[in-house]
Amino acid sequence: DQIEALVDKLADIRRAIGQVIVGQEHVIEQM
C-alpha cells in the first residue's frame, strides 16, 4: 500500500506540472 501511494504521488506531480507546461513530456519525464 505504501508503494502504491508513492507511485501515485509521481502521477500527481506529472499532472500538476502539466497544468503549466504544454508538451515536453520527455523533458518532464527525464527531469
PDB file of all heavy atoms in Angstrom:
ATOM      1  N   ASP A   1       0.833  -1.205   0.000  1.00  0.00           N
ATOM      2  CA  ASP A   1       0.000   0.000   0.000  1.00  0.00           C
ATOM      3  C   ASP A   1       0.868   1.256   0.000  1.00  0.00           C
ATOM      4  O   ASP A   1       0.548   2.250  -0.675  1.00  0.00           O
ATOM      5  CB  ASP A   1      -0.919   0.006   1.226  1.00  0.00           C
ATOM      6  CG  ASP A   1      -1.987  -1.083   1.142  1.00  0.00           C
ATOM      7  OD1 ASP A   1      -2.268  -1.533   0.015  1.00  0.00           O
ATOM      8  OD2 ASP A   1      -2.515  -1.471   2.199  1.00  0.00           O
ATOM      9  N   GLN A   2       1.962   1.197   0.737  1.00  0.00           N
ATOM     10  CA  GLN A   2       2.869   2.349   0.790  1.00  0.00           C
ATOM     11  C   GLN A   2       3.506   2.589  -0.571  1.00  0.00           C
ATOM     12  O   GLN A   2       3.651   3.736  -1.017  1.00  0.00           O
ATOM     13  CB  GLN A   2       3.957   2.086   1.840  1.00  0.00           C
ATOM     14  CG  GLN A   2       4.350   3.320   2.631  1.00  0.00           C
ATOM     15  CD  GLN A   2       5.267   2.970   3.779  1.00  0.00           C
ATOM     16  OE1 GLN A   2       6.042   2.014   3.716  1.00  0.00           O
ATOM     17  NE2 GLN A   2       5.193   3.740   4.844  1.00  0.00           N
ATOM     18  N   ILE A   3       3.875   1.503  -1.230  1.00  0.00           N
ATOM     19  CA  ILE A   3       4.493   1.624  -2.555  1.00  0.00           C
ATOM     20  C   ILE A   3       3.510   2.238  -3.545  1.00  0.00           C
ATOM     21  O   ILE A   3       3.851   3.148  -4.300  1.00  0.00           O
ATOM     22  CB  ILE A   3       4.957   0.234  -3.050  1.00  0.00           C
ATOM     23  CG1 ILE A   3       6.080  -0.290  -2.171  1.00  0.00           C
ATOM     24  CG2 ILE A   3       5.403   0.297  -4.505  1.00  0.00           C
ATOM     25  CD1 ILE A   3       6.453  -1.718  -2.457  1.00  0.00           C
ATOM     26  N   GLU A   4       2.284   1.741  -3.539  1.00  0.00           N
ATOM     27  CA  GLU A   4       1.275   2.263  -4.461  1.00  0.00           C
ATOM     28  C   GLU A   4       0.997   3.735  -4.205  1.00  0.00           C
ATOM     29  O   GLU A   4       0.801   4.518  -5.149  1.00  0.00           O
ATOM     30  CB  GLU A   4      -0.005   1.442  -4.333  1.00  0.00           C
ATOM     31  CG  GLU A   4       0.120   0.018  -4.851  1.00  0.00           C
ATOM     32  CD  GLU A   4      -1.165  -0.778  -4.674  1.00  0.00           C
ATOM     33  OE1 GLU A   4      -2.076  -0.276  -3.970  1.00  0.00           O
ATOM     34  OE2 GLU A   4      -1.266  -1.890  -5.224  1.00  0.00           O
ATOM     35  N   ALA A   5       0.992   4.136  -2.937  1.00  0.00           N
ATOM     36  CA  ALA A   5       0.761   5.539  -2.604  1.00  0.00           C
ATOM     37  C   ALA A   5       1.895   6.420  -3.132  1.00  0.00           C
ATOM     38  O   ALA A   5       1.662   7.528  -3.644  1.00  0.00           O
ATOM     39  CB  ALA A   5       0.614   5.702  -1.093  1.00  0.00           C
ATOM     40  N   LEU A   6       3.126   5.925  -3.031  1.00  0.00           N
ATOM     41  CA  LEU A   6       4.270   6.685  -3.521  1.00  0.00           C
ATOM     42  C   LEU A   6       4.229   6.801  -5.046  1.00  0.00           C
ATOM     43  O   LEU A   6       4.489   7.873  -5.604  1.00  0.00           O
ATOM     44  CB  LEU A   6       5.575   6.029  -3.077  1.00  0.00           C
ATOM     45  CG  LEU A   6       5.953   6.189  -1.597  1.00  0.00           C
ATOM     46  CD1 LEU A   6       7.155   5.331  -1.248  1.00  0.00           C
ATOM     47  CD2 LEU A   6       6.247   7.653  -1.269  1.00  0.00           C
ATOM     48  N   VAL A   7       3.906   5.710  -5.719  1.00  0.00           N
ATOM     49  CA  VAL A   7       3.819   5.734  -7.183  1.00  0.00           C
ATOM     50  C   VAL A   7       2.701   6.679  -7.635  1.00  0.00           C
ATOM     51  O   VAL A   7       2.835   7.397  -8.630  1.00  0.00           O
ATOM     52  CB  VAL A   7       3.600   4.314  -7.736  1.00  0.00           C
ATOM     53  CG1 VAL A   7       3.344   4.355  -9.241  1.00  0.00           C
ATOM     54  CG2 VAL A   7       4.823   3.445  -7.441  1.00  0.00           C
ATOM     55  N   ASP A   8       1.605   6.694  -6.890  1.00  0.00           N
ATOM     56  CA  ASP A   8       0.513   7.625  -7.213  1.00  0.00           C
ATOM     57  C   ASP A   8       0.980   9.074  -7.089  1.00  0.00           C
ATOM     58  O   ASP A   8       0.510   9.951  -7.833  1.00  0.00           O
ATOM     59  CB  ASP A   8      -0.680   7.383  -6.286  1.00  0.00           C
ATOM     60  CG  ASP A   8      -1.411   6.078  -6.614  1.00  0.00           C
ATOM     61  OD1 ASP A   8      -1.208   5.564  -7.727  1.00  0.00           O
ATOM     62  OD2 ASP A   8      -2.168   5.592  -5.753  1.00  0.00           O
ATOM     63  N   LYS A   9       1.889   9.342  -6.154  1.00  0.00           N
ATOM     64  CA  LYS A   9       2.418  10.703  -5.998  1.00  0.00           C
ATOM     65  C   LYS A   9       3.151  11.151  -7.261  1.00  0.00           C
ATOM     66  O   LYS A   9       3.099  12.331  -7.639  1.00  0.00           O
ATOM     67  CB  LYS A   9       3.367  10.766  -4.794  1.00  0.00           C
ATOM     68  CG  LYS A   9       2.662  10.856  -3.453  1.00  0.00           C
ATOM     69  CD  LYS A   9       1.925  12.178  -3.299  1.00  0.00           C
ATOM     70  CE  LYS A   9       1.270  12.308  -1.944  1.00  0.00           C
ATOM     71  NZ  LYS A   9       0.476  13.556  -1.831  1.00  0.00           N
ATOM     72  N   LEU A  10       3.842  10.210  -7.910  1.00  0.00           N
ATOM     73  CA  LEU A  10       4.534  10.550  -9.150  1.00  0.00           C
ATOM     74  C   LEU A  10       3.536  10.999 -10.220  1.00  0.00           C
ATOM     75  O   LEU A  10       3.781  11.965 -10.948  1.00  0.00           O
ATOM     76  CB  LEU A  10       5.338   9.347  -9.649  1.00  0.00           C
ATOM     77  CG  LEU A  10       6.601   9.007  -8.863  1.00  0.00           C
ATOM     78  CD1 LEU A  10       7.204   7.697  -9.358  1.00  0.00           C
ATOM     79  CD2 LEU A  10       7.619  10.126  -8.972  1.00  0.00           C
ATOM     80  N   ALA A  11       2.421  10.294 -10.306  1.00  0.00           N
ATOM     81  CA  ALA A  11       1.376  10.689 -11.265  1.00  0.00           C
ATOM     82  C   ALA A  11       0.806  12.061 -10.905  1.00  0.00           C
ATOM     83  O   ALA A  11       0.522  12.879 -11.795  1.00  0.00           O
ATOM     84  CB  ALA A  11       0.275   9.636 -11.295  1.00  0.00           C
ATOM     85  N   ASP A  12       0.648  12.337  -9.611  1.00  0.00           N
ATOM     86  CA  ASP A  12       0.143  13.638  -9.170  1.00  0.00           C
ATOM     87  C   ASP A  12       1.104  14.758  -9.569  1.00  0.00           C
ATOM     88  O   ASP A  12       0.680  15.840 -10.005  1.00  0.00           O
ATOM     89  CB  ASP A  12      -0.056  13.645  -7.655  1.00  0.00           C
ATOM     90  CG  ASP A  12      -1.173  12.710  -7.210  1.00  0.00           C
ATOM     91  OD1 ASP A  12      -2.028  12.373  -8.051  1.00  0.00           O
ATOM     92  OD2 ASP A  12      -1.189  12.323  -6.025  1.00  0.00           O
ATOM     93  N   ILE A  13       2.409  14.492  -9.427  1.00  0.00           N
ATOM     94  CA  ILE A  13       3.415  15.501  -9.774  1.00  0.00           C
ATOM     95  C   ILE A  13       3.365  15.803 -11.270  1.00  0.00           C
ATOM     96  O   ILE A  13       3.392  16.965 -11.693  1.00  0.00           O
ATOM     97  CB  ILE A  13       4.827  15.034  -9.356  1.00  0.00           C
ATOM     98  CG1 ILE A  13       4.934  14.980  -7.834  1.00  0.00           C
ATOM     99  CG2 ILE A  13       5.897  15.956  -9.930  1.00  0.00           C
ATOM    100  CD1 ILE A  13       6.202  14.324  -7.330  1.00  0.00           C
ATOM    101  N   ARG A  14       3.254  14.762 -12.085  1.00  0.00           N
ATOM    102  CA  ARG A  14       3.200  14.963 -13.531  1.00  0.00           C
ATOM    103  C   ARG A  14       1.950  15.729 -13.945  1.00  0.00           C
ATOM    104  O   ARG A  14       1.999  16.592 -14.832  1.00  0.00           O
ATOM    105  CB  ARG A  14       3.254  13.613 -14.258  1.00  0.00           C
ATOM    106  CG  ARG A  14       4.545  12.860 -14.029  1.00  0.00           C
ATOM    107  CD  ARG A  14       4.654  11.621 -14.887  1.00  0.00           C
ATOM    108  NE  ARG A  14       5.002  11.951 -16.258  1.00  0.00           N
ATOM    109  CZ  ARG A  14       5.498  11.077 -17.125  1.00  0.00           C
ATOM    110  NH1 ARG A  14       5.704   9.825 -16.754  1.00  0.00           N
ATOM    111  NH2 ARG A  14       5.790  11.426 -18.351  1.00  0.00           N
ATOM    112  N   ARG A  15       0.832  15.430 -13.296  1.00  0.00           N
ATOM    113  CA  ARG A  15      -0.400  16.166 -13.613  1.00  0.00           C
ATOM    114  C   ARG A  15      -0.279  17.634 -13.212  1.00  0.00           C
ATOM    115  O   ARG A  15      -0.745  18.527 -13.934  1.00  0.00           O
ATOM    116  CB  ARG A  15      -1.586  15.511 -12.906  1.00  0.00           C
ATOM    117  CG  ARG A  15      -2.152  14.294 -13.618  1.00  0.00           C
ATOM    118  CD  ARG A  15      -3.501  13.900 -13.057  1.00  0.00           C
ATOM    119  NE  ARG A  15      -3.386  13.445 -11.676  1.00  0.00           N
ATOM    120  CZ  ARG A  15      -3.190  12.185 -11.324  1.00  0.00           C
ATOM    121  NH1 ARG A  15      -3.087  11.247 -12.252  1.00  0.00           N
ATOM    122  NH2 ARG A  15      -3.100  11.835 -10.051  1.00  0.00           N
ATOM    123  N   ALA A  16       0.330  17.884 -12.050  1.00  0.00           N
ATOM    124  CA  ALA A  16       0.492  19.270 -11.588  1.00  0.00           C
ATOM    125  C   ALA A  16       1.353  20.067 -12.568  1.00  0.00           C
ATOM    126  O   ALA A  16       1.024  21.209 -12.915  1.00  0.00           O
ATOM    127  CB  ALA A  16       1.110  19.274 -10.189  1.00  0.00           C
ATOM    128  N   ILE A  17       2.450  19.477 -13.021  1.00  0.00           N
ATOM    129  CA  ILE A  17       3.322  20.172 -13.974  1.00  0.00           C
ATOM    130  C   ILE A  17       2.589  20.400 -15.293  1.00  0.00           C
ATOM    131  O   ILE A  17       2.751  21.440 -15.939  1.00  0.00           O
ATOM    132  CB  ILE A  17       4.614  19.367 -14.193  1.00  0.00           C
ATOM    133  CG1 ILE A  17       5.408  19.256 -12.886  1.00  0.00           C
ATOM    134  CG2 ILE A  17       5.482  20.007 -15.275  1.00  0.00           C
ATOM    135  CD1 ILE A  17       6.603  18.343 -12.957  1.00  0.00           C
ATOM    136  N   GLY A  18       1.753  19.438 -15.685  1.00  0.00           N
ATOM    137  CA  GLY A  18       1.007  19.556 -16.929  1.00  0.00           C
ATOM    138  C   GLY A  18       0.014  20.704 -16.946  1.00  0.00           C
ATOM    139  O   GLY A  18      -0.453  21.097 -18.015  1.00  0.00           O
ATOM    140  N   GLN A  19      -0.327  21.252 -15.772  1.00  0.00           N
ATOM    141  CA  GLN A  19      -1.214  22.410 -15.723  1.00  0.00           C
ATOM    142  C   GLN A  19      -0.551  23.659 -16.303  1.00  0.00           C
ATOM    143  O   GLN A  19      -1.232  24.594 -16.727  1.00  0.00           O
ATOM    144  CB  GLN A  19      -1.631  22.681 -14.278  1.00  0.00           C
ATOM    145  CG  GLN A  19      -2.465  21.575 -13.650  1.00  0.00           C
ATOM    146  CD  GLN A  19      -2.742  21.841 -12.173  1.00  0.00           C
ATOM    147  OE1 GLN A  19      -2.587  22.971 -11.708  1.00  0.00           O
ATOM    148  NE2 GLN A  19      -3.144  20.821 -11.444  1.00  0.00           N
ATOM    149  N   VAL A  20       0.784  23.667 -16.313  1.00  0.00           N
ATOM    150  CA  VAL A  20       1.527  24.835 -16.786  1.00  0.00           C
ATOM    151  C   VAL A  20       2.290  24.544 -18.076  1.00  0.00           C
ATOM    152  O   VAL A  20       2.317  25.361 -18.995  1.00  0.00           O
ATOM    153  CB  VAL A  20       2.520  25.318 -15.692  1.00  0.00           C
ATOM    154  CG1 VAL A  20       3.396  26.447 -16.207  1.00  0.00           C
ATOM    155  CG2 VAL A  20       1.758  25.758 -14.450  1.00  0.00           C
ATOM    156  N   ILE A  21       2.907  23.360 -18.144  1.00  0.00           N
ATOM    157  CA  ILE A  21       3.757  23.028 -19.280  1.00  0.00           C
ATOM    158  C   ILE A  21       2.949  22.293 -20.343  1.00  0.00           C
ATOM    159  O   ILE A  21       2.263  21.312 -20.055  1.00  0.00           O
ATOM    160  CB  ILE A  21       4.949  22.147 -18.834  1.00  0.00           C
ATOM    161  CG1 ILE A  21       5.778  22.886 -17.777  1.00  0.00           C
ATOM    162  CG2 ILE A  21       5.809  21.779 -20.018  1.00  0.00           C
ATOM    163  CD1 ILE A  21       6.409  24.159 -18.271  1.00  0.00           C
ATOM    164  N   VAL A  22       3.039  22.769 -21.589  1.00  0.00           N
ATOM    165  CA  VAL A  22       2.388  22.117 -22.728  1.00  0.00           C
ATOM    166  C   VAL A  22       3.428  21.257 -23.437  1.00  0.00           C
ATOM    167  O   VAL A  22       4.491  21.744 -23.830  1.00  0.00           O
ATOM    168  CB  VAL A  22       1.800  23.150 -23.701  1.00  0.00           C
ATOM    169  CG1 VAL A  22       1.200  22.456 -24.919  1.00  0.00           C
ATOM    170  CG2 VAL A  22       0.763  24.004 -23.004  1.00  0.00           C
ATOM    171  N   GLY A  23       3.126  19.979 -23.614  1.00  0.00           N
ATOM    172  CA  GLY A  23       4.061  19.090 -24.299  1.00  0.00           C
ATOM    173  C   GLY A  23       5.300  18.832 -23.451  1.00  0.00           C
ATOM    174  O   GLY A  23       5.243  18.808 -22.216  1.00  0.00           O
ATOM    175  N   GLN A  24       6.426  18.644 -24.134  1.00  0.00           N
ATOM    176  CA  GLN A  24       7.717  18.391 -23.483  1.00  0.00           C
ATOM    177  C   GLN A  24       7.644  17.204 -22.510  1.00  0.00           C
ATOM    178  O   GLN A  24       8.283  17.210 -21.462  1.00  0.00           O
ATOM    179  CB  GLN A  24       8.215  19.641 -22.761  1.00  0.00           C
ATOM    180  CG  GLN A  24       8.509  20.818 -23.653  1.00  0.00           C
ATOM    181  CD  GLN A  24       9.104  22.001 -22.910  1.00  0.00           C
ATOM    182  OE1 GLN A  24       9.334  21.943 -21.702  1.00  0.00           O
ATOM    183  NE2 GLN A  24       9.353  23.078 -23.614  1.00  0.00           N
ATOM    184  N   GLU A  25       6.867  16.192 -22.879  1.00  0.00           N
ATOM    185  CA  GLU A  25       6.721  15.050 -21.983  1.00  0.00           C
ATOM    186  C   GLU A  25       8.053  14.396 -21.675  1.00  0.00           C
ATOM    187  O   GLU A  25       8.311  14.003 -20.537  1.00  0.00           O
ATOM    188  CB  GLU A  25       5.765  14.012 -22.584  1.00  0.00           C
ATOM    189  CG  GLU A  25       4.294  14.378 -22.524  1.00  0.00           C
ATOM    190  CD  GLU A  25       3.866  15.268 -23.680  1.00  0.00           C
ATOM    191  OE1 GLU A  25       4.712  15.539 -24.560  1.00  0.00           O
ATOM    192  OE2 GLU A  25       2.691  15.684 -23.723  1.00  0.00           O
ATOM    193  N   HIS A  26       8.931  14.272 -22.698  1.00  0.00           N
ATOM    194  CA  HIS A  26      10.208  13.599 -22.458  1.00  0.00           C
ATOM    195  C   HIS A  26      11.099  14.419 -21.532  1.00  0.00           C
ATOM    196  O   HIS A  26      11.877  13.863 -20.746  1.00  0.00           O
ATOM    197  CB  HIS A  26      10.924  13.327 -23.790  1.00  0.00           C
ATOM    198  CG  HIS A  26      11.621  14.527 -24.365  1.00  0.00           C
ATOM    199  ND1 HIS A  26      10.951  15.558 -24.994  1.00  0.00           N
ATOM    200  CD2 HIS A  26      12.937  14.866 -24.398  1.00  0.00           C
ATOM    201  CE1 HIS A  26      11.815  16.467 -25.399  1.00  0.00           C
ATOM    202  NE2 HIS A  26      13.022  16.084 -25.043  1.00  0.00           N
ATOM    203  N   VAL A  27      10.968  15.751 -21.592  1.00  0.00           N
ATOM    204  CA  VAL A  27      11.766  16.604 -20.702  1.00  0.00           C
ATOM    205  C   VAL A  27      11.310  16.446 -19.256  1.00  0.00           C
ATOM    206  O   VAL A  27      12.126  16.253 -18.348  1.00  0.00           O
ATOM    207  CB  VAL A  27      11.662  18.079 -21.144  1.00  0.00           C
ATOM    208  CG1 VAL A  27      12.419  18.979 -20.167  1.00  0.00           C
ATOM    209  CG2 VAL A  27      12.202  18.250 -22.552  1.00  0.00           C
ATOM    210  N   ILE A  28       9.994  16.508 -19.044  1.00  0.00           N
ATOM    211  CA  ILE A  28       9.458  16.332 -17.691  1.00  0.00           C
ATOM    212  C   ILE A  28       9.808  14.944 -17.162  1.00  0.00           C
ATOM    213  O   ILE A  28      10.211  14.789 -16.005  1.00  0.00           O
ATOM    214  CB  ILE A  28       7.927  16.530 -17.694  1.00  0.00           C
ATOM    215  CG1 ILE A  28       7.563  17.919 -18.229  1.00  0.00           C
ATOM    216  CG2 ILE A  28       7.370  16.327 -16.294  1.00  0.00           C
ATOM    217  CD1 ILE A  28       8.178  19.062 -17.470  1.00  0.00           C
ATOM    218  N   GLU A  29       9.660  13.938 -18.016  1.00  0.00           N
ATOM    219  CA  GLU A  29       9.968  12.573 -17.589  1.00  0.00           C
ATOM    220  C   GLU A  29      11.428  12.434 -17.182  1.00  0.00           C
ATOM    221  O   GLU A  29      11.747  11.847 -16.142  1.00  0.00           O
ATOM    222  CB  GLU A  29       9.639  11.580 -18.713  1.00  0.00           C
ATOM    223  CG  GLU A  29      10.030  10.146 -18.368  1.00  0.00           C
ATOM    224  CD  GLU A  29       9.428   9.131 -19.306  1.00  0.00           C
ATOM    225  OE1 GLU A  29       8.181   9.045 -19.355  1.00  0.00           O
ATOM    226  OE2 GLU A  29      10.200   8.421 -19.975  1.00  0.00           O
ATOM    227  N   GLN A  30      12.334  12.973 -17.986  1.00  0.00           N
ATOM    228  CA  GLN A  30      13.751  12.829 -17.678  1.00  0.00           C
ATOM    229  C   GLN A  30      14.157  13.653 -16.457  1.00  0.00           C
ATOM    230  O   GLN A  30      15.059  13.259 -15.709  1.00  0.00           O
ATOM    231  CB  GLN A  30      14.582  13.188 -18.905  1.00  0.00           C
ATOM    232  CG  GLN A  30      14.457  12.163 -20.014  1.00  0.00           C
ATOM    233  CD  GLN A  30      15.252  12.530 -21.262  1.00  0.00           C
ATOM    234  OE1 GLN A  30      16.219  13.293 -21.209  1.00  0.00           O
ATOM    235  NE2 GLN A  30      14.858  11.987 -22.405  1.00  0.00           N
ATOM    236  N   MET A  31      13.523  14.788 -16.230  1.00  0.00           N
ATOM    237  CA  MET A  31      13.783  15.533 -15.000  1.00  0.00           C
ATOM    238  C   MET A  31      13.353  14.726 -13.782  1.00  0.00           C
ATOM    239  O   MET A  31      14.070  14.653 -12.776  1.00  0.00           O
ATOM    240  CB  MET A  31      13.067  16.889 -15.026  1.00  0.00           C
ATOM    241  CG  MET A  31      13.685  17.917 -15.936  1.00  0.00           C
ATOM    242  SD  MET A  31      13.139  19.631 -15.596  1.00  0.00           S
ATOM    243  CE  MET A  31      11.364  19.463 -15.644  1.00  0.00           C
TER     244      MET A  31
END
